[in-house]
Amino acid sequence: MTAMFSALLRRLPGTLAVLAVLTLLAVAPPVWAQQVFRVTTIPEEAATEQLRKFGPLVKYLERQLGMKVEFTPVNDYPAAVEALVNQQVELVWFGGFTHVQAQLRSGGKIIPIAQREEDAQFRSVFITQTDSGIKQLSDLKGKTVSFGSQSSTSGHLMPRSFLLAAGIEPERDFKRVAYSGAHDATIASVVSGKVDAAALDSTVWRKFVDEKKVDTREVDVFYTTPPFYNYNWSVHADLPAALRERVAKALLDLSMDTPEGKEILTLNRATRYIPTQAENYQSLEAAGRSAGLIK
């Protein structure tokens, strides 16, 4: 409240002063109490890789928002959901399925504000050792197969959905079903021979191949799924609209034409961010219900 307004109130009769204060409170925009803007992500890769990947984005957001921005890794996918639902963070990088879970947990109060252009046509891959004899999904029967996190879109929900569509029930048809917890751990489980085959995010697989962290002469893709919507940046509906719009603009303004934008986008395996909406993920909710992952 300004000094000028306070002085004016002192000159008003008691009742009028109360009415003036109530009017001010009714029209004044809500003040965001937090001094730090907090960011996290689903732990699709090791914590050290998350920090490396999102560090430059944190510095960029600090400058664009004019406030301190902190990135804090969480232990598992459900923790990322709970962090945003309970407003322990302001911005989360979700997979499509964790976004759906957060929407359901919050009663529809989660708002997706941006996705990578690639997320409109996302795919999962199934990998195996090249001498395993596995050439198609039906060859997985009787084998040990790993997914990523149980809450992963590209590492569990959609691969399971496509298996079910092919008439393959993992718990019935596989010798053993494993969950690695993260895409990099999924690759390692196939390379080491702990499992016969596994499903994961296609972009993580390409990154490992491009960085020569996996030898495709020994482990390679034998099946790629049809496309689906996947990742997005989400905020809680209680975040002030003006701040939400500034965050969205900062993400959408990132460009491969600037050194900073190129670094941030490349680290997040993106060419650019584009607007998104909750309706894009309705098919994932339907897939989750069909697969029995949403009750």
C-alpha atoms as a PDB file:
ATOM      1  CA  MET A   1       0.000   0.000   0.000  1.00  0.00           C
ATOM      2  CA  THR A   2       1.524   3.372  -1.009  1.00  0.00           C
ATOM      3  CA  ALA A   3       2.148   6.283   1.425  1.00  0.00           C
ATOM      4  CA  MET A   4      -0.244   8.439  -0.602  1.00  0.00           C
ATOM      5  CA  PHE A   5      -3.039   5.877  -0.249  1.00  0.00           C
ATOM      6  CA  SER A   6      -2.333   5.518   3.511  1.00  0.00           C
ATOM      7  CA  ALA A   7      -2.614   9.277   3.955  1.00  0.00           C
ATOM      8  CA  LEU A   8      -5.911   9.291   2.070  1.00  0.00           C
ATOM      9  CA  LEU A   9      -7.322   6.564   4.333  1.00  0.00           C
ATOM     10  CA  ARG A  10      -6.514   8.618   7.436  1.00  0.00           C
ATOM     11  CA  ARG A  11      -8.766  11.416   6.151  1.00  0.00           C
ATOM     12  CA  LEU A  12     -11.730   9.107   5.506  1.00  0.00           C
ATOM     13  CA  PRO A  13     -14.411   8.195   8.055  1.00  0.00           C
ATOM     14  CA  GLY A  14     -13.967   4.727   9.554  1.00  0.00           C
ATOM     15  CA  THR A  15     -16.556   2.905   7.417  1.00  0.00           C
ATOM     16  CA  LEU A  16     -15.324   4.471   4.188  1.00  0.00           C
ATOM     17  CA  ALA A  17     -11.734   3.596   5.069  1.00  0.00           C
ATOM     18  CA  VAL A  18     -12.648  -0.070   5.576  1.00  0.00           C
ATOM     19  CA  LEU A  19     -14.513  -0.116   2.267  1.00  0.00           C
ATOM     20  CA  ALA A  20     -11.527   1.441   0.517  1.00  0.00           C
ATOM     21  CA  VAL A  21      -9.179  -1.235   1.880  1.00  0.00           C
ATOM     22  CA  LEU A  22     -11.559  -4.014   0.877  1.00  0.00           C
ATOM     23  CA  THR A  23     -11.828  -2.544  -2.621  1.00  0.00           C
ATOM     24  CA  LEU A  24      -8.034  -2.409  -2.915  1.00  0.00           C
ATOM     25  CA  LEU A  25      -7.695  -6.027  -1.833  1.00  0.00           C
ATOM     26  CA  ALA A  26     -10.380  -7.110  -4.290  1.00  0.00           C
ATOM     27  CA  VAL A  27      -8.696  -5.561  -7.322  1.00  0.00           C
ATOM     28  CA  ALA A  28      -5.030  -5.977  -6.392  1.00  0.00           C
ATOM     29  CA  PRO A  29      -3.294  -8.931  -8.107  1.00  0.00           C
ATOM     30  CA  PRO A  30      -2.078 -11.708  -5.783  1.00  0.00           C
ATOM     31  CA  VAL A  31       1.541 -11.344  -4.670  1.00  0.00           C
ATOM     32  CA  TRP A  32       3.802 -14.349  -5.184  1.00  0.00           C
ATOM     33  CA  ALA A  33       5.468 -14.922  -1.833  1.00  0.00           C
ATOM     34  CA  GLN A  34       8.372 -17.100  -2.988  1.00  0.00           C
ATOM     35  CA  GLN A  35      11.763 -15.452  -3.437  1.00  0.00           C
ATOM     36  CA  VAL A  36      13.219 -18.446  -5.282  1.00  0.00           C
ATOM     37  CA  PHE A  37      11.814 -20.047  -8.440  1.00  0.00           C
ATOM     38  CA  ARG A  38      12.269 -23.814  -8.081  1.00  0.00           C
ATOM     39  CA  VAL A  39      12.689 -26.259 -10.961  1.00  0.00           C
ATOM     40  CA  THR A  40      12.914 -30.043 -11.150  1.00  0.00           C
ATOM     41  CA  THR A  41      12.518 -32.905 -13.611  1.00  0.00           C
ATOM     42  CA  ILE A  42      11.522 -36.521 -13.747  1.00  0.00           C
ATOM     43  CA  PRO A  43      14.771 -38.478 -13.118  1.00  0.00           C
ATOM     44  CA  GLU A  44      14.982 -40.115 -16.542  1.00  0.00           C
ATOM     45  CA  GLU A  45      18.775 -40.053 -16.259  1.00  0.00           C
ATOM     46  CA  ALA A  46      21.351 -39.959 -13.444  1.00  0.00           C
ATOM     47  CA  ALA A  47      21.326 -36.909 -11.139  1.00  0.00           C
ATOM     48  CA  THR A  48      24.713 -35.744 -12.416  1.00  0.00           C
ATOM     49  CA  GLU A  49      23.376 -35.750 -15.980  1.00  0.00           C
ATOM     50  CA  GLN A  50      20.246 -33.851 -14.918  1.00  0.00           C
ATOM     51  CA  LEU A  51      22.377 -31.122 -13.336  1.00  0.00           C
ATOM     52  CA  ARG A  52      24.579 -30.900 -16.423  1.00  0.00           C
ATOM     53  CA  LYS A  53      21.571 -30.811 -18.736  1.00  0.00           C
ATOM     54  CA  PHE A  54      19.537 -28.187 -16.904  1.00  0.00           C
ATOM     55  CA  GLY A  55      22.311 -25.994 -15.437  1.00  0.00           C
ATOM     56  CA  PRO A  56      22.455 -23.584 -18.407  1.00  0.00           C
ATOM     57  CA  LEU A  57      18.650 -23.322 -18.446  1.00  0.00           C
ATOM     58  CA  VAL A  58      18.626 -22.329 -14.771  1.00  0.00           C
ATOM     59  CA  LYS A  59      21.084 -19.486 -15.463  1.00  0.00           C
ATOM     60  CA  TYR A  60      19.017 -18.368 -18.454  1.00  0.00           C
ATOM     61  CA  LEU A  61      15.768 -18.352 -16.457  1.00  0.00           C
ATOM     62  CA  GLU A  62      17.398 -16.368 -13.649  1.00  0.00           C
ATOM     63  CA  ARG A  63      18.220 -13.604 -16.094  1.00  0.00           C
ATOM     64  CA  GLN A  64      14.856 -13.717 -17.871  1.00  0.00           C
ATOM     65  CA  LEU A  65      12.766 -13.795 -14.672  1.00  0.00           C
ATOM     66  CA  GLY A  66      14.971 -11.479 -12.611  1.00  0.00           C
ATOM     67  CA  MET A  67      14.984 -13.826  -9.610  1.00  0.00           C
ATOM     68  CA  LYS A  68      16.999 -16.689  -8.181  1.00  0.00           C
ATOM     69  CA  VAL A  69      16.266 -20.037  -9.834  1.00  0.00           C
ATOM     70  CA  GLU A  70      17.191 -23.345  -8.221  1.00  0.00           C
ATOM     71  CA  PHE A  71      17.263 -26.814  -9.767  1.00  0.00           C
ATOM     72  CA  THR A  72      16.843 -29.747  -7.368  1.00  0.00           C
ATOM     73  CA  PRO A  73      16.825 -33.371  -8.576  1.00  0.00           C
ATOM     74  CA  VAL A  74      14.241 -35.755  -7.105  1.00  0.00           C
ATOM     75  CA  ASN A  75      14.654 -39.463  -6.431  1.00  0.00           C
ATOM     76  CA  ASP A  76      11.917 -40.908  -8.635  1.00  0.00           C
ATOM     77  CA  TYR A  77       9.062 -40.068 -11.002  1.00  0.00           C
ATOM     78  CA  PRO A  78       6.312 -39.990  -8.321  1.00  0.00           C
ATOM     79  CA  ALA A  79       8.405 -37.485  -6.341  1.00  0.00           C
ATOM     80  CA  ALA A  80       8.394 -35.111  -9.336  1.00  0.00           C
ATOM     81  CA  VAL A  81       4.595 -35.398  -9.501  1.00  0.00           C
ATOM     82  CA  GLU A  82       4.154 -34.725  -5.786  1.00  0.00           C
ATOM     83  CA  ALA A  83       6.599 -31.798  -5.869  1.00  0.00           C
ATOM     84  CA  LEU A  84       4.447 -29.831  -8.314  1.00  0.00           C
ATOM     85  CA  VAL A  85       1.075 -30.971  -6.960  1.00  0.00           C
ATOM     86  CA  ASN A  86       2.134 -29.787  -3.473  1.00  0.00           C
ATOM     87  CA  GLN A  87       3.760 -26.628  -4.907  1.00  0.00           C
ATOM     88  CA  GLN A  88       7.199 -27.512  -3.569  1.00  0.00           C
ATOM     89  CA  VAL A  89       8.516 -26.432  -6.992  1.00  0.00           C
ATOM     90  CA  GLU A  90       7.214 -24.028  -9.618  1.00  0.00           C
ATOM     91  CA  LEU A  91       8.296 -25.722 -12.868  1.00  0.00           C
ATOM     92  CA  VAL A  92       8.720 -29.397 -13.774  1.00  0.00           C
ATOM     93  CA  TRP A  93       9.924 -31.222 -16.867  1.00  0.00           C
ATOM     94  CA  PHE A  94       7.372 -34.039 -17.084  1.00  0.00           C
ATOM     95  CA  GLY A  95       6.929 -36.981 -19.366  1.00  0.00           C
ATOM     96  CA  GLY A  96       3.434 -37.122 -20.851  1.00  0.00           C
ATOM     97  CA  PHE A  97       2.303 -39.792 -18.386  1.00  0.00           C
ATOM     98  CA  THR A  98       3.679 -38.025 -15.303  1.00  0.00           C
ATOM     99  CA  HIS A  99       1.896 -34.882 -16.505  1.00  0.00           C
ATOM    100  CA  VAL A 100      -1.341 -36.898 -16.622  1.00  0.00           C
ATOM    101  CA  GLN A 101      -0.672 -38.314 -13.150  1.00  0.00           C
ATOM    102  CA  ALA A 102      -0.061 -34.816 -11.787  1.00  0.00           C
ATOM    103  CA  GLN A 103      -3.275 -33.574 -13.409  1.00  0.00           C
ATOM    104  CA  LEU A 104      -5.268 -36.348 -11.768  1.00  0.00           C
ATOM    105  CA  ARG A 105      -3.572 -35.921  -8.366  1.00  0.00           C
ATOM    106  CA  SER A 106      -4.167 -32.147  -8.393  1.00  0.00           C
ATOM    107  CA  GLY A 107      -7.771 -32.222  -9.619  1.00  0.00           C
ATOM    108  CA  GLY A 108      -6.838 -30.611 -12.937  1.00  0.00           C
ATOM    109  CA  LYS A 109      -4.613 -27.820 -11.602  1.00  0.00           C
ATOM    110  CA  ILE A 110      -1.498 -28.571 -13.663  1.00  0.00           C
ATOM    111  CA  ILE A 111      -0.877 -26.432 -16.752  1.00  0.00           C
ATOM    112  CA  PRO A 112       1.490 -27.543 -19.540  1.00  0.00           C
ATOM    113  CA  ILE A 113       3.168 -24.449 -20.995  1.00  0.00           C
ATOM    114  CA  ALA A 114       5.703 -25.713 -23.539  1.00  0.00           C
ATOM    115  CA  GLN A 115       6.907 -28.857 -25.246  1.00  0.00           C
ATOM    116  CA  ARG A 116       9.727 -29.649 -27.605  1.00  0.00           C
ATOM    117  CA  GLU A 117       8.695 -29.691 -31.237  1.00  0.00           C
ATOM    118  CA  GLU A 118       9.801 -33.333 -31.228  1.00  0.00           C
ATOM    119  CA  ASP A 119       7.276 -34.217 -28.511  1.00  0.00           C
ATOM    120  CA  ALA A 120       4.338 -34.026 -30.907  1.00  0.00           C
ATOM    121  CA  GLN A 121       5.712 -37.069 -32.755  1.00  0.00           C
ATOM    122  CA  PHE A 122       7.587 -38.985 -30.065  1.00  0.00           C
ATOM    123  CA  ARG A 123       8.572 -42.656 -30.223  1.00  0.00           C
ATOM    124  CA  SER A 124       9.940 -45.413 -28.017  1.00  0.00           C
ATOM    125  CA  VAL A 125      12.405 -48.080 -29.098  1.00  0.00           C
ATOM    126  CA  PHE A 126      12.938 -51.677 -28.059  1.00  0.00           C
ATOM    127  CA  ILE A 127      16.585 -52.793 -27.967  1.00  0.00           C
ATOM    128  CA  THR A 128      18.371 -56.118 -27.636  1.00  0.00           C
ATOM    129  CA  GLN A 129      21.799 -57.631 -28.179  1.00  0.00           C
ATOM    130  CA  THR A 130      22.242 -58.169 -31.908  1.00  0.00           C
ATOM    131  CA  ASP A 131      22.944 -61.899 -31.501  1.00  0.00           C
ATOM    132  CA  SER A 132      19.894 -62.528 -29.267  1.00  0.00           C
ATOM    133  CA  GLY A 133      17.678 -63.813 -32.057  1.00  0.00           C
ATOM    134  CA  ILE A 134      15.015 -61.236 -31.154  1.00  0.00           C
ATOM    135  CA  LYS A 135      13.734 -59.594 -34.336  1.00  0.00           C
ATOM    136  CA  GLN A 136      10.137 -58.614 -33.526  1.00  0.00           C
ATOM    137  CA  LEU A 137       7.840 -58.088 -30.547  1.00  0.00           C
ATOM    138  CA  SER A 138       6.517 -61.649 -30.616  1.00  0.00           C
ATOM    139  CA  ASP A 139      10.089 -62.909 -30.083  1.00  0.00           C
ATOM    140  CA  LEU A 140       9.998 -61.383 -26.596  1.00  0.00           C
ATOM    141  CA  LYS A 141       7.785 -64.179 -25.290  1.00  0.00           C
ATOM    142  CA  GLY A 142       9.665 -66.205 -22.699  1.00  0.00           C
ATOM    143  CA  LYS A 143      12.378 -63.526 -22.391  1.00  0.00           C
ATOM    144  CA  THR A 144      13.446 -61.171 -19.604  1.00  0.00           C
ATOM    145  CA  VAL A 145      12.422 -57.617 -20.527  1.00  0.00           C
ATOM    146  CA  SER A 146      13.058 -54.298 -18.789  1.00  0.00           C
ATOM    147  CA  PHE A 147      11.084 -51.084 -18.799  1.00  0.00           C
ATOM    148  CA  GLY A 148      12.338 -47.817 -17.244  1.00  0.00           C
ATOM    149  CA  SER A 149      10.355 -46.243 -14.416  1.00  0.00           C
ATOM    150  CA  GLN A 150       6.830 -47.544 -13.965  1.00  0.00           C
ATOM    151  CA  SER A 151       5.662 -43.921 -14.398  1.00  0.00           C
ATOM    152  CA  SER A 152       7.656 -43.336 -17.592  1.00  0.00           C
ATOM    153  CA  THR A 153       5.730 -42.549 -20.769  1.00  0.00           C
ATOM    154  CA  SER A 154       8.338 -43.660 -23.286  1.00  0.00           C
ATOM    155  CA  GLY A 155       9.989 -46.216 -21.006  1.00  0.00           C
ATOM    156  CA  HIS A 156       6.860 -48.052 -19.855  1.00  0.00           C
ATOM    157  CA  LEU A 157       3.334 -46.778 -20.598  1.00  0.00           C
ATOM    158  CA  MET A 158       3.518 -46.546 -24.386  1.00  0.00           C
ATOM    159  CA  PRO A 159       5.758 -49.599 -24.919  1.00  0.00           C
ATOM    160  CA  ARG A 160       3.346 -51.610 -22.760  1.00  0.00           C
ATOM    161  CA  SER A 161       0.396 -50.218 -24.739  1.00  0.00           C
ATOM    162  CA  PHE A 162       1.899 -51.306 -28.049  1.00  0.00           C
ATOM    163  CA  LEU A 163       2.757 -54.733 -26.618  1.00  0.00           C
ATOM    164  CA  LEU A 164      -0.846 -55.166 -25.473  1.00  0.00           C
ATOM    165  CA  ALA A 165      -2.068 -54.091 -28.922  1.00  0.00           C
ATOM    166  CA  ALA A 166       0.131 -56.844 -30.370  1.00  0.00           C
ATOM    167  CA  GLY A 167      -1.483 -59.401 -28.066  1.00  0.00           C
ATOM    168  CA  ILE A 168       1.463 -59.612 -25.675  1.00  0.00           C
ATOM    169  CA  GLU A 169       0.799 -59.375 -21.930  1.00  0.00           C
ATOM    170  CA  PRO A 170       4.154 -58.718 -20.187  1.00  0.00           C
ATOM    171  CA  GLU A 171       3.344 -60.384 -16.856  1.00  0.00           C
ATOM    172  CA  ARG A 172       1.923 -63.414 -18.644  1.00  0.00           C
ATOM    173  CA  ASP A 173       4.251 -63.766 -21.630  1.00  0.00           C
ATOM    174  CA  PHE A 174       7.663 -62.629 -20.385  1.00  0.00           C
ATOM    175  CA  LYS A 175       9.938 -64.772 -18.276  1.00  0.00           C
ATOM    176  CA  ARG A 176      10.546 -61.747 -16.056  1.00  0.00           C
ATOM    177  CA  VAL A 177       9.560 -58.055 -16.092  1.00  0.00           C
ATOM    178  CA  ALA A 178      12.117 -55.615 -14.682  1.00  0.00           C
ATOM    179  CA  TYR A 179      12.073 -51.850 -14.053  1.00  0.00           C
ATOM    180  CA  SER A 180      15.416 -50.066 -14.304  1.00  0.00           C
ATOM    181  CA  GLY A 181      14.184 -46.688 -13.030  1.00  0.00           C
ATOM    182  CA  ALA A 182      15.871 -44.603 -15.767  1.00  0.00           C
ATOM    183  CA  HIS A 183      16.624 -44.778 -19.491  1.00  0.00           C
ATOM    184  CA  ASP A 184      20.416 -44.907 -19.119  1.00  0.00           C
ATOM    185  CA  ALA A 185      20.057 -47.779 -16.657  1.00  0.00           C
ATOM    186  CA  THR A 186      17.762 -49.515 -19.156  1.00  0.00           C
ATOM    187  CA  ILE A 187      20.472 -49.446 -21.832  1.00  0.00           C
ATOM    188  CA  ALA A 188      23.053 -50.697 -19.335  1.00  0.00           C
ATOM    189  CA  SER A 189      20.830 -53.644 -18.395  1.00  0.00           C
ATOM    190  CA  VAL A 190      20.774 -54.846 -22.019  1.00  0.00           C
ATOM    191  CA  VAL A 191      24.460 -54.178 -22.655  1.00  0.00           C
ATOM    192  CA  SER A 192      25.407 -56.164 -19.531  1.00  0.00           C
ATOM    193  CA  GLY A 193      23.057 -59.019 -20.377  1.00  0.00           C
ATOM    194  CA  LYS A 194      20.952 -58.606 -17.221  1.00  0.00           C
ATOM    195  CA  VAL A 195      17.874 -58.667 -19.463  1.00  0.00           C
ATOM    196  CA  ASP A 196      17.257 -59.908 -22.994  1.00  0.00           C
ATOM    197  CA  ALA A 197      15.554 -56.746 -24.227  1.00  0.00           C
ATOM    198  CA  ALA A 198      14.221 -53.398 -23.060  1.00  0.00           C
ATOM    199  CA  ALA A 199      12.131 -50.364 -24.012  1.00  0.00           C
ATOM    200  CA  LEU A 200      13.184 -46.731 -23.709  1.00  0.00           C
ATOM    201  CA  ASP A 201      13.003 -43.141 -24.961  1.00  0.00           C
ATOM    202  CA  SER A 202      14.146 -42.924 -28.593  1.00  0.00           C
ATOM    203  CA  THR A 203      15.971 -39.621 -28.031  1.00  0.00           C
ATOM    204  CA  VAL A 204      18.026 -41.015 -25.146  1.00  0.00           C
ATOM    205  CA  TRP A 205      18.948 -43.979 -27.336  1.00  0.00           C
ATOM    206  CA  ARG A 206      20.059 -41.672 -30.157  1.00  0.00           C
ATOM    207  CA  LYS A 207      22.104 -39.603 -27.709  1.00  0.00           C
ATOM    208  CA  PHE A 208      23.925 -42.706 -26.472  1.00  0.00           C
ATOM    209  CA  VAL A 209      24.602 -43.814 -30.048  1.00  0.00           C
ATOM    210  CA  ASP A 210      25.758 -40.344 -31.148  1.00  0.00           C
ATOM    211  CA  GLU A 211      28.081 -40.053 -28.138  1.00  0.00           C
ATOM    212  CA  LYS A 212      29.397 -43.570 -28.833  1.00  0.00           C
ATOM    213  CA  LYS A 213      28.362 -44.788 -25.389  1.00  0.00           C
ATOM    214  CA  VAL A 214      26.865 -47.898 -26.948  1.00  0.00           C
ATOM    215  CA  ASP A 215      28.113 -50.071 -29.815  1.00  0.00           C
ATOM    216  CA  THR A 216      25.239 -50.766 -32.236  1.00  0.00           C
ATOM    217  CA  ARG A 217      27.152 -53.783 -33.548  1.00  0.00           C
ATOM    218  CA  GLU A 218      26.430 -55.365 -30.158  1.00  0.00           C
ATOM    219  CA  VAL A 219      23.145 -53.742 -29.026  1.00  0.00           C
ATOM    220  CA  ASP A 220      20.617 -52.164 -31.359  1.00  0.00           C
ATOM    221  CA  VAL A 221      16.959 -51.310 -31.984  1.00  0.00           C
ATOM    222  CA  PHE A 222      14.689 -54.069 -33.274  1.00  0.00           C
ATOM    223  CA  TYR A 223      11.333 -52.241 -32.971  1.00  0.00           C
ATOM    224  CA  THR A 224      10.259 -48.580 -33.032  1.00  0.00           C
ATOM    225  CA  THR A 225       6.760 -47.630 -31.872  1.00  0.00           C
ATOM    226  CA  PRO A 226       4.230 -45.446 -33.683  1.00  0.00           C
ATOM    227  CA  PRO A 227       4.309 -41.757 -32.596  1.00  0.00           C
ATOM    228  CA  PHE A 228       2.654 -40.220 -29.537  1.00  0.00           C
ATOM    229  CA  TYR A 229       2.734 -36.966 -27.508  1.00  0.00           C
ATOM    230  CA  ASN A 230       5.281 -36.896 -24.724  1.00  0.00           C
ATOM    231  CA  TYR A 231       7.276 -34.456 -22.603  1.00  0.00           C
ATOM    232  CA  ASN A 232       6.364 -30.921 -21.488  1.00  0.00           C
ATOM    233  CA  TRP A 233       7.201 -28.174 -19.041  1.00  0.00           C
ATOM    234  CA  SER A 234       4.343 -27.808 -16.535  1.00  0.00           C
ATOM    235  CA  VAL A 235       3.411 -25.344 -13.784  1.00  0.00           C
ATOM    236  CA  HIS A 236       0.728 -25.279 -11.092  1.00  0.00           C
ATOM    237  CA  ALA A 237      -2.410 -23.232 -11.787  1.00  0.00           C
ATOM    238  CA  ASP A 238      -1.811 -21.269  -8.576  1.00  0.00           C
ATOM    239  CA  LEU A 239       1.366 -19.736  -9.999  1.00  0.00           C
ATOM    240  CA  PRO A 240       0.501 -16.106 -10.865  1.00  0.00           C
ATOM    241  CA  ALA A 241      -0.526 -15.834 -14.511  1.00  0.00           C
ATOM    242  CA  ALA A 242       1.964 -13.040 -15.228  1.00  0.00           C
ATOM    243  CA  LEU A 243       4.860 -15.137 -13.970  1.00  0.00           C
ATOM    244  CA  ARG A 244       3.593 -18.194 -15.858  1.00  0.00           C
ATOM    245  CA  GLU A 245       3.527 -16.172 -19.065  1.00  0.00           C
ATOM    246  CA  ARG A 246       7.083 -14.915 -18.490  1.00  0.00           C
ATOM    247  CA  VAL A 247       8.333 -18.476 -17.976  1.00  0.00           C
ATOM    248  CA  ALA A 248       6.554 -19.690 -21.104  1.00  0.00           C
ATOM    249  CA  LYS A 249       7.918 -16.796 -23.140  1.00  0.00           C
ATOM    250  CA  ALA A 250      11.452 -17.483 -21.916  1.00  0.00           C
ATOM    251  CA  LEU A 251      11.188 -21.107 -23.076  1.00  0.00           C
ATOM    252  CA  LEU A 252       9.544 -20.272 -26.395  1.00  0.00           C
ATOM    253  CA  ASP A 253      12.148 -17.579 -27.124  1.00  0.00           C
ATOM    254  CA  LEU A 254      15.050 -20.045 -27.005  1.00  0.00           C
ATOM    255  CA  SER A 255      16.608 -20.354 -30.453  1.00  0.00           C
ATOM    256  CA  MET A 256      19.258 -22.479 -32.093  1.00  0.00           C
ATOM    257  CA  ASP A 257      20.446 -19.228 -33.722  1.00  0.00           C
ATOM    258  CA  THR A 258      22.073 -18.008 -30.480  1.00  0.00           C
ATOM    259  CA  PRO A 259      24.971 -19.738 -28.655  1.00  0.00           C
ATOM    260  CA  GLU A 260      23.042 -19.839 -25.382  1.00  0.00           C
ATOM    261  CA  GLY A 261      19.844 -21.107 -26.988  1.00  0.00           C
ATOM    262  CA  LYS A 262      21.715 -23.739 -28.957  1.00  0.00           C
ATOM    263  CA  GLU A 263      23.440 -25.028 -25.811  1.00  0.00           C
ATOM    264  CA  ILE A 264      20.212 -25.230 -23.795  1.00  0.00           C
ATOM    265  CA  LEU A 265      18.146 -26.813 -26.565  1.00  0.00           C
ATOM    266  CA  THR A 266      20.856 -29.311 -27.510  1.00  0.00           C
ATOM    267  CA  LEU A 267      21.269 -30.422 -23.903  1.00  0.00           C
ATOM    268  CA  ASN A 268      17.526 -31.056 -23.747  1.00  0.00           C
ATOM    269  CA  ARG A 269      17.556 -32.879 -27.100  1.00  0.00           C
ATOM    270  CA  ALA A 270      15.350 -30.212 -28.691  1.00  0.00           C
ATOM    271  CA  THR A 271      15.334 -28.029 -31.801  1.00  0.00           C
ATOM    272  CA  ARG A 272      12.901 -25.545 -30.243  1.00  0.00           C
ATOM    273  CA  TYR A 273      10.049 -25.258 -27.759  1.00  0.00           C
ATOM    274  CA  ILE A 274       6.476 -24.755 -28.942  1.00  0.00           C
ATOM    275  CA  PRO A 275       3.202 -24.061 -27.058  1.00  0.00           C
ATOM    276  CA  THR A 276       1.219 -27.057 -25.842  1.00  0.00           C
ATOM    277  CA  GLN A 277      -2.113 -27.749 -24.147  1.00  0.00           C
ATOM    278  CA  ALA A 278      -3.632 -30.289 -21.771  1.00  0.00           C
ATOM    279  CA  GLU A 279      -5.736 -31.848 -24.561  1.00  0.00           C
ATOM    280  CA  ASN A 280      -2.571 -33.198 -26.187  1.00  0.00           C
ATOM    281  CA  TYR A 281      -2.152 -35.704 -23.352  1.00  0.00           C
ATOM    282  CA  GLN A 282      -5.675 -37.092 -23.163  1.00  0.00           C
ATOM    283  CA  SER A 283      -4.704 -40.083 -25.293  1.00  0.00           C
ATOM    284  CA  LEU A 284      -2.003 -40.919 -22.739  1.00  0.00           C
ATOM    285  CA  GLU A 285      -4.598 -40.959 -19.968  1.00  0.00           C
ATOM    286  CA  ALA A 286      -6.702 -43.340 -22.077  1.00  0.00           C
ATOM    287  CA  ALA A 287      -3.630 -45.534 -22.674  1.00  0.00           C
ATOM    288  CA  GLY A 288      -2.883 -45.535 -18.954  1.00  0.00           C
ATOM    289  CA  ARG A 289      -6.392 -46.692 -18.133  1.00  0.00           C
ATOM    290  CA  SER A 290      -6.333 -49.383 -20.836  1.00  0.00           C
ATOM    291  CA  ALA A 291      -3.005 -50.686 -19.533  1.00  0.00           C
ATOM    292  CA  GLY A 292      -4.277 -50.733 -15.963  1.00  0.00           C
ATOM    293  CA  LEU A 293      -1.758 -48.101 -14.838  1.00  0.00           C
ATOM    294  CA  ILE A 294      -4.532 -45.622 -13.954  1.00  0.00           C
ATOM    295  CA  LYS A 295      -7.403 -46.965 -11.888  1.00  0.00           C
END
